[in-house]
């Protein structure tokens, strides 16, 4: 079997050298490129990926020119077969949620043990996702916090309308139940779609379930 082709992007030379020493001794991995900015990686992929077929890009978050979040997004939009693993000291809720939303394949803190890093790489190359336990905890904490904020931002009436929409009541039925006009209910529905950033009634229903307003 041919070795997997890897790219490593990190602007900290000491960490880059350490990662290289770990991976170079493994005959399953071929380090095609090391870079200190996301822009260099994106440019390389745009020019060479059709020929080279890079299997995995390992990247930090904080880098000049193009950071790891932007690089991951670029890869997922333009080189969907290339996997991405973020290895970073930065693991705040917003960063993790953004990367997850942009379909990152894995996220490991820089202080992870060598064994975990190798396990993450192996799992991702086998088509799985890999997130360290600490990353999962921050992500879940952020999810619960977001849901709480959303619940608090909805008025009592908005929650009632959302619940009835999720229970598949028609606009007229909701209007009759709440003693409001059909036009008012339609306004509530449009506002909820905008506020919850969904596209349609199915999205509203999913949100209602997620917020615990109706049973799954």
C-alpha atoms as a PDB file:
ATOM      1  CA  UNK A   1       0.000   0.000   0.000  1.00  0.00           C
ATOM      2  CA  UNK A   2       1.253   3.499  -0.865  1.00  0.00           C
ATOM      3  CA  UNK A   3       1.972   5.801   2.080  1.00  0.00           C
ATOM      4  CA  UNK A   4      -0.617   8.449   2.924  1.00  0.00           C
ATOM      5  CA  UNK A   5       0.328  11.929   1.736  1.00  0.00           C
ATOM      6  CA  UNK A   6       0.287  14.527   4.514  1.00  0.00           C
ATOM      7  CA  UNK A   7       0.754  18.290   4.801  1.00  0.00           C
ATOM      8  CA  UNK A   8       1.566  19.993   8.116  1.00  0.00           C
ATOM      9  CA  UNK A   9       0.895  23.703   8.690  1.00  0.00           C
ATOM     10  CA  UNK A  10       2.130  25.436  11.852  1.00  0.00           C
ATOM     11  CA  UNK A  11       4.053  28.651  12.410  1.00  0.00           C
ATOM     12  CA  UNK A  12       5.749  27.316  15.575  1.00  0.00           C
ATOM     13  CA  UNK A  13       8.944  25.687  14.328  1.00  0.00           C
ATOM     14  CA  UNK A  14       9.528  23.704  17.529  1.00  0.00           C
ATOM     15  CA  UNK A  15       6.106  22.042  17.326  1.00  0.00           C
ATOM     16  CA  UNK A  16       6.488  21.485  13.583  1.00  0.00           C
ATOM     17  CA  UNK A  17       9.859  19.772  14.087  1.00  0.00           C
ATOM     18  CA  UNK A  18       8.425  17.624  16.883  1.00  0.00           C
ATOM     19  CA  UNK A  19       5.515  16.505  14.737  1.00  0.00           C
ATOM     20  CA  UNK A  20       7.845  15.764  11.833  1.00  0.00           C
ATOM     21  CA  UNK A  21      10.074  13.582  14.003  1.00  0.00           C
ATOM     22  CA  UNK A  22       7.028  11.581  15.148  1.00  0.00           C
ATOM     23  CA  UNK A  23       5.608  11.068  11.652  1.00  0.00           C
ATOM     24  CA  UNK A  24       8.769  10.671   9.568  1.00  0.00           C
ATOM     25  CA  UNK A  25       9.652   7.445  11.349  1.00  0.00           C
ATOM     26  CA  UNK A  26       6.330   5.936  10.215  1.00  0.00           C
ATOM     27  CA  UNK A  27       6.566   4.419   6.733  1.00  0.00           C
ATOM     28  CA  UNK A  28       2.777   4.786   6.292  1.00  0.00           C
ATOM     29  CA  UNK A  29       3.112   8.588   6.070  1.00  0.00           C
ATOM     30  CA  UNK A  30       4.754  10.730   3.414  1.00  0.00           C
ATOM     31  CA  UNK A  31       5.124  14.392   4.461  1.00  0.00           C
ATOM     32  CA  UNK A  32       4.688  16.203   1.148  1.00  0.00           C
ATOM     33  CA  UNK A  33       4.839  19.764   2.510  1.00  0.00           C
ATOM     34  CA  UNK A  34       5.378  21.733   5.713  1.00  0.00           C
ATOM     35  CA  UNK A  35       4.196  25.330   5.830  1.00  0.00           C
ATOM     36  CA  UNK A  36       4.034  28.198   8.314  1.00  0.00           C
ATOM     37  CA  UNK A  37       0.839  29.724   6.902  1.00  0.00           C
ATOM     38  CA  UNK A  38      -2.515  28.459   5.681  1.00  0.00           C
ATOM     39  CA  UNK A  39      -2.180  30.465   2.493  1.00  0.00           C
ATOM     40  CA  UNK A  40       0.834  28.402   1.385  1.00  0.00           C
ATOM     41  CA  UNK A  41      -1.109  25.179   1.943  1.00  0.00           C
ATOM     42  CA  UNK A  42      -4.196  26.423   0.081  1.00  0.00           C
ATOM     43  CA  UNK A  43      -2.035  27.548  -2.841  1.00  0.00           C
ATOM     44  CA  UNK A  44      -0.209  24.193  -2.960  1.00  0.00           C
ATOM     45  CA  UNK A  45      -3.475  22.238  -2.919  1.00  0.00           C
ATOM     46  CA  UNK A  46      -5.069  24.421  -5.590  1.00  0.00           C
ATOM     47  CA  UNK A  47      -2.115  23.810  -7.919  1.00  0.00           C
ATOM     48  CA  UNK A  48      -1.094  20.226  -7.100  1.00  0.00           C
ATOM     49  CA  UNK A  49      -3.931  18.320  -5.428  1.00  0.00           C
ATOM     50  CA  UNK A  50      -5.388  16.881  -8.629  1.00  0.00           C
ATOM     51  CA  UNK A  51      -2.035  15.167  -9.199  1.00  0.00           C
ATOM     52  CA  UNK A  52      -0.728  14.624  -5.658  1.00  0.00           C
ATOM     53  CA  UNK A  53      -4.047  13.728  -3.973  1.00  0.00           C
ATOM     54  CA  UNK A  54      -3.197  14.863  -0.423  1.00  0.00           C
ATOM     55  CA  UNK A  55      -4.901  12.610   2.130  1.00  0.00           C
ATOM     56  CA  UNK A  56      -4.614  14.761   5.251  1.00  0.00           C
ATOM     57  CA  UNK A  57      -3.756  18.321   6.252  1.00  0.00           C
ATOM     58  CA  UNK A  58      -2.708  18.810   9.890  1.00  0.00           C
ATOM     59  CA  UNK A  59      -3.021  22.461  10.851  1.00  0.00           C
ATOM     60  CA  UNK A  60      -2.789  24.878  13.747  1.00  0.00           C
ATOM     61  CA  UNK A  61      -5.501  27.552  14.188  1.00  0.00           C
ATOM     62  CA  UNK A  62      -3.419  30.677  14.739  1.00  0.00           C
ATOM     63  CA  UNK A  63      -1.309  31.334  11.636  1.00  0.00           C
ATOM     64  CA  UNK A  64      -0.480  34.382   9.495  1.00  0.00           C
ATOM     65  CA  UNK A  65      -2.181  35.137   6.147  1.00  0.00           C
ATOM     66  CA  UNK A  66      -4.818  32.410   6.439  1.00  0.00           C
ATOM     67  CA  UNK A  67      -5.644  30.798   9.789  1.00  0.00           C
ATOM     68  CA  UNK A  68      -6.616  27.169  10.377  1.00  0.00           C
ATOM     69  CA  UNK A  69     -10.343  27.919  10.372  1.00  0.00           C
ATOM     70  CA  UNK A  70     -10.126  29.600   6.960  1.00  0.00           C
ATOM     71  CA  UNK A  71      -7.839  26.858   5.648  1.00  0.00           C
ATOM     72  CA  UNK A  72     -10.218  24.100   6.754  1.00  0.00           C
ATOM     73  CA  UNK A  73     -13.129  25.897   5.067  1.00  0.00           C
ATOM     74  CA  UNK A  74     -11.115  26.313   1.860  1.00  0.00           C
ATOM     75  CA  UNK A  75     -10.183  22.612   1.839  1.00  0.00           C
ATOM     76  CA  UNK A  76     -13.732  21.433   2.495  1.00  0.00           C
ATOM     77  CA  UNK A  77     -15.125  23.667  -0.250  1.00  0.00           C
ATOM     78  CA  UNK A  78     -12.463  22.944  -2.880  1.00  0.00           C
ATOM     79  CA  UNK A  79     -10.737  19.650  -1.989  1.00  0.00           C
ATOM     80  CA  UNK A  80     -13.462  17.617  -0.288  1.00  0.00           C
ATOM     81  CA  UNK A  81     -11.502  14.324  -0.431  1.00  0.00           C
ATOM     82  CA  UNK A  82      -8.661  15.792   1.653  1.00  0.00           C
ATOM     83  CA  UNK A  83      -9.150  15.244   5.400  1.00  0.00           C
ATOM     84  CA  UNK A  84      -8.325  17.889   8.007  1.00  0.00           C
ATOM     85  CA  UNK A  85      -7.002  17.612  11.562  1.00  0.00           C
ATOM     86  CA  UNK A  86      -6.612  20.674  13.772  1.00  0.00           C
ATOM     87  CA  UNK A  87      -3.897  20.478  16.439  1.00  0.00           C
ATOM     88  CA  UNK A  88      -3.981  23.648  18.516  1.00  0.00           C
ATOM     89  CA  UNK A  89      -3.693  25.159  21.971  1.00  0.00           C
ATOM     90  CA  UNK A  90      -6.732  27.240  21.079  1.00  0.00           C
ATOM     91  CA  UNK A  91      -9.941  25.426  21.933  1.00  0.00           C
ATOM     92  CA  UNK A  92     -12.634  27.932  22.801  1.00  0.00           C
ATOM     93  CA  UNK A  93     -16.292  27.228  22.080  1.00  0.00           C
ATOM     94  CA  UNK A  94     -16.568  29.498  19.031  1.00  0.00           C
ATOM     95  CA  UNK A  95     -13.502  28.011  17.325  1.00  0.00           C
ATOM     96  CA  UNK A  96     -14.645  24.432  17.913  1.00  0.00           C
ATOM     97  CA  UNK A  97     -18.217  25.102  16.791  1.00  0.00           C
ATOM     98  CA  UNK A  98     -17.073  26.929  13.642  1.00  0.00           C
ATOM     99  CA  UNK A  99     -14.675  24.137  12.657  1.00  0.00           C
ATOM    100  CA  UNK A 100     -17.282  21.463  13.383  1.00  0.00           C
ATOM    101  CA  UNK A 101     -19.856  23.345  11.305  1.00  0.00           C
ATOM    102  CA  UNK A 102     -17.290  23.499   8.489  1.00  0.00           C
ATOM    103  CA  UNK A 103     -16.881  19.709   8.664  1.00  0.00           C
ATOM    104  CA  UNK A 104     -13.373  19.433  10.179  1.00  0.00           C
ATOM    105  CA  UNK A 105     -12.407  15.759  10.566  1.00  0.00           C
ATOM    106  CA  UNK A 106     -10.627  16.024  13.908  1.00  0.00           C
ATOM    107  CA  UNK A 107      -9.439  18.325  16.672  1.00  0.00           C
ATOM    108  CA  UNK A 108      -6.698  17.559  19.194  1.00  0.00           C
ATOM    109  CA  UNK A 109      -5.036  19.947  21.685  1.00  0.00           C
ATOM    110  CA  UNK A 110      -1.295  20.518  21.276  1.00  0.00           C
ATOM    111  CA  UNK A 111      -0.602  19.083  24.719  1.00  0.00           C
ATOM    112  CA  UNK A 112      -2.124  15.711  23.738  1.00  0.00           C
ATOM    113  CA  UNK A 113       0.028  12.605  24.162  1.00  0.00           C
ATOM    114  CA  UNK A 114       1.892  11.313  21.112  1.00  0.00           C
ATOM    115  CA  UNK A 115      -0.263   8.158  21.155  1.00  0.00           C
ATOM    116  CA  UNK A 116      -3.485  10.162  20.936  1.00  0.00           C
ATOM    117  CA  UNK A 117      -2.184  12.244  18.051  1.00  0.00           C
ATOM    118  CA  UNK A 118      -1.258   9.095  16.104  1.00  0.00           C
ATOM    119  CA  UNK A 119      -4.642   7.561  16.940  1.00  0.00           C
ATOM    120  CA  UNK A 120      -6.409  10.699  15.640  1.00  0.00           C
ATOM    121  CA  UNK A 121      -4.464  10.586  12.370  1.00  0.00           C
ATOM    122  CA  UNK A 122      -5.127   6.869  11.915  1.00  0.00           C
ATOM    123  CA  UNK A 123      -8.864   7.197  12.656  1.00  0.00           C
ATOM    124  CA  UNK A 124      -9.298  10.127  10.267  1.00  0.00           C
ATOM    125  CA  UNK A 125      -7.430   8.388   7.445  1.00  0.00           C
ATOM    126  CA  UNK A 126      -9.749   5.400   7.998  1.00  0.00           C
ATOM    127  CA  UNK A 127     -12.737   7.644   7.325  1.00  0.00           C
ATOM    128  CA  UNK A 128     -13.721   8.393  10.932  1.00  0.00           C
ATOM    129  CA  UNK A 129     -13.895  11.622  12.927  1.00  0.00           C
ATOM    130  CA  UNK A 130     -11.667  12.164  15.964  1.00  0.00           C
ATOM    131  CA  UNK A 131     -12.114  14.739  18.721  1.00  0.00           C
ATOM    132  CA  UNK A 132     -10.222  14.681  22.027  1.00  0.00           C
ATOM    133  CA  UNK A 133     -12.361  14.363  25.147  1.00  0.00           C
ATOM    134  CA  UNK A 134     -11.526  17.926  26.239  1.00  0.00           C
ATOM    135  CA  UNK A 135     -12.639  19.238  22.838  1.00  0.00           C
ATOM    136  CA  UNK A 136     -15.938  17.306  23.054  1.00  0.00           C
ATOM    137  CA  UNK A 137     -16.608  18.748  26.520  1.00  0.00           C
ATOM    138  CA  UNK A 138     -16.070  22.347  25.370  1.00  0.00           C
ATOM    139  CA  UNK A 139     -18.287  21.713  22.321  1.00  0.00           C
ATOM    140  CA  UNK A 140     -21.157  20.254  24.375  1.00  0.00           C
ATOM    141  CA  UNK A 141     -20.901  23.003  26.976  1.00  0.00           C
ATOM    142  CA  UNK A 142     -21.166  25.556  24.175  1.00  0.00           C
ATOM    143  CA  UNK A 143     -24.166  23.761  22.662  1.00  0.00           C
ATOM    144  CA  UNK A 144     -26.078  23.844  25.965  1.00  0.00           C
ATOM    145  CA  UNK A 145     -25.136  27.485  26.475  1.00  0.00           C
ATOM    146  CA  UNK A 146     -26.355  28.378  22.973  1.00  0.00           C
ATOM    147  CA  UNK A 147     -29.665  26.601  23.520  1.00  0.00           C
ATOM    148  CA  UNK A 148     -30.153  28.408  26.819  1.00  0.00           C
ATOM    149  CA  UNK A 149     -29.457  31.778  25.144  1.00  0.00           C
ATOM    150  CA  UNK A 150     -31.901  30.977  22.335  1.00  0.00           C
ATOM    151  CA  UNK A 151     -34.618  29.893  24.781  1.00  0.00           C
ATOM    152  CA  UNK A 152     -34.163  33.120  26.729  1.00  0.00           C
ATOM    153  CA  UNK A 153     -34.336  35.183  23.517  1.00  0.00           C
ATOM    154  CA  UNK A 154     -37.736  33.714  22.549  1.00  0.00           C
ATOM    155  CA  UNK A 155     -40.872  35.311  23.946  1.00  0.00           C
ATOM    156  CA  UNK A 156     -43.607  33.199  25.560  1.00  0.00           C
ATOM    157  CA  UNK A 157     -45.758  33.671  22.461  1.00  0.00           C
ATOM    158  CA  UNK A 158     -42.911  32.698  20.094  1.00  0.00           C
ATOM    159  CA  UNK A 159     -42.399  29.466  22.054  1.00  0.00           C
ATOM    160  CA  UNK A 160     -46.124  28.704  21.836  1.00  0.00           C
ATOM    161  CA  UNK A 161     -46.153  29.272  18.070  1.00  0.00           C
ATOM    162  CA  UNK A 162     -42.965  27.229  17.584  1.00  0.00           C
ATOM    163  CA  UNK A 163     -44.411  24.349  19.628  1.00  0.00           C
ATOM    164  CA  UNK A 164     -47.646  24.308  17.620  1.00  0.00           C
ATOM    165  CA  UNK A 165     -45.758  24.466  14.302  1.00  0.00           C
ATOM    166  CA  UNK A 166     -43.668  21.459  15.396  1.00  0.00           C
ATOM    167  CA  UNK A 167     -46.870  19.605  16.298  1.00  0.00           C
ATOM    168  CA  UNK A 168     -47.922  20.055  12.643  1.00  0.00           C
ATOM    169  CA  UNK A 169     -50.824  22.430  13.206  1.00  0.00           C
ATOM    170  CA  UNK A 170     -51.826  24.575  10.246  1.00  0.00           C
ATOM    171  CA  UNK A 171     -51.505  28.365  10.342  1.00  0.00           C
ATOM    172  CA  UNK A 172     -55.271  28.665  10.778  1.00  0.00           C
ATOM    173  CA  UNK A 173     -55.334  26.112  13.602  1.00  0.00           C
ATOM    174  CA  UNK A 174     -52.541  27.947  15.428  1.00  0.00           C
ATOM    175  CA  UNK A 175     -54.388  31.257  14.949  1.00  0.00           C
ATOM    176  CA  UNK A 176     -57.600  29.734  16.382  1.00  0.00           C
ATOM    177  CA  UNK A 177     -55.752  28.148  19.330  1.00  0.00           C
ATOM    178  CA  UNK A 178     -53.986  31.373  20.309  1.00  0.00           C
ATOM    179  CA  UNK A 179     -56.890  33.695  19.397  1.00  0.00           C
ATOM    180  CA  UNK A 180     -54.744  35.575  16.909  1.00  0.00           C
ATOM    181  CA  UNK A 181     -55.140  36.397  13.228  1.00  0.00           C
ATOM    182  CA  UNK A 182     -53.703  34.171  10.520  1.00  0.00           C
ATOM    183  CA  UNK A 183     -51.559  37.121   9.361  1.00  0.00           C
ATOM    184  CA  UNK A 184     -50.058  37.483  12.873  1.00  0.00           C
ATOM    185  CA  UNK A 185     -49.136  33.777  12.980  1.00  0.00           C
ATOM    186  CA  UNK A 186     -47.484  34.074   9.553  1.00  0.00           C
ATOM    187  CA  UNK A 187     -45.436  37.001  10.893  1.00  0.00           C
ATOM    188  CA  UNK A 188     -44.390  34.946  13.915  1.00  0.00           C
ATOM    189  CA  UNK A 189     -43.365  32.093  11.619  1.00  0.00           C
ATOM    190  CA  UNK A 190     -41.230  34.360   9.416  1.00  0.00           C
ATOM    191  CA  UNK A 191     -39.593  35.946  12.473  1.00  0.00           C
ATOM    192  CA  UNK A 192     -38.819  32.533  13.984  1.00  0.00           C
ATOM    193  CA  UNK A 193     -37.237  31.319  10.727  1.00  0.00           C
ATOM    194  CA  UNK A 194     -35.051  34.437  10.711  1.00  0.00           C
ATOM    195  CA  UNK A 195     -34.201  34.352  14.442  1.00  0.00           C
ATOM    196  CA  UNK A 196     -33.345  30.638  14.519  1.00  0.00           C
ATOM    197  CA  UNK A 197     -31.508  30.838  11.168  1.00  0.00           C
ATOM    198  CA  UNK A 198     -33.390  27.948   9.556  1.00  0.00           C
ATOM    199  CA  UNK A 199     -34.863  27.748   6.064  1.00  0.00           C
ATOM    200  CA  UNK A 200     -38.302  26.216   6.470  1.00  0.00           C
ATOM    201  CA  UNK A 201     -40.899  24.575   8.735  1.00  0.00           C
ATOM    202  CA  UNK A 202     -38.834  21.382   8.955  1.00  0.00           C
ATOM    203  CA  UNK A 203     -35.975  23.470  10.383  1.00  0.00           C
ATOM    204  CA  UNK A 204     -38.323  25.024  12.942  1.00  0.00           C
ATOM    205  CA  UNK A 205     -39.566  21.570  13.953  1.00  0.00           C
ATOM    206  CA  UNK A 206     -36.003  20.315  14.473  1.00  0.00           C
ATOM    207  CA  UNK A 207     -35.266  23.361  16.612  1.00  0.00           C
ATOM    208  CA  UNK A 208     -38.399  22.848  18.710  1.00  0.00           C
ATOM    209  CA  UNK A 209     -37.297  19.259  19.424  1.00  0.00           C
ATOM    210  CA  UNK A 210     -33.748  20.407  20.184  1.00  0.00           C
ATOM    211  CA  UNK A 211     -35.037  23.024  22.644  1.00  0.00           C
ATOM    212  CA  UNK A 212     -37.271  20.450  24.327  1.00  0.00           C
ATOM    213  CA  UNK A 213     -40.561  22.149  23.384  1.00  0.00           C
ATOM    214  CA  UNK A 214     -41.885  18.910  21.858  1.00  0.00           C
ATOM    215  CA  UNK A 215     -40.936  15.242  22.084  1.00  0.00           C
ATOM    216  CA  UNK A 216     -38.791  13.650  19.370  1.00  0.00           C
END
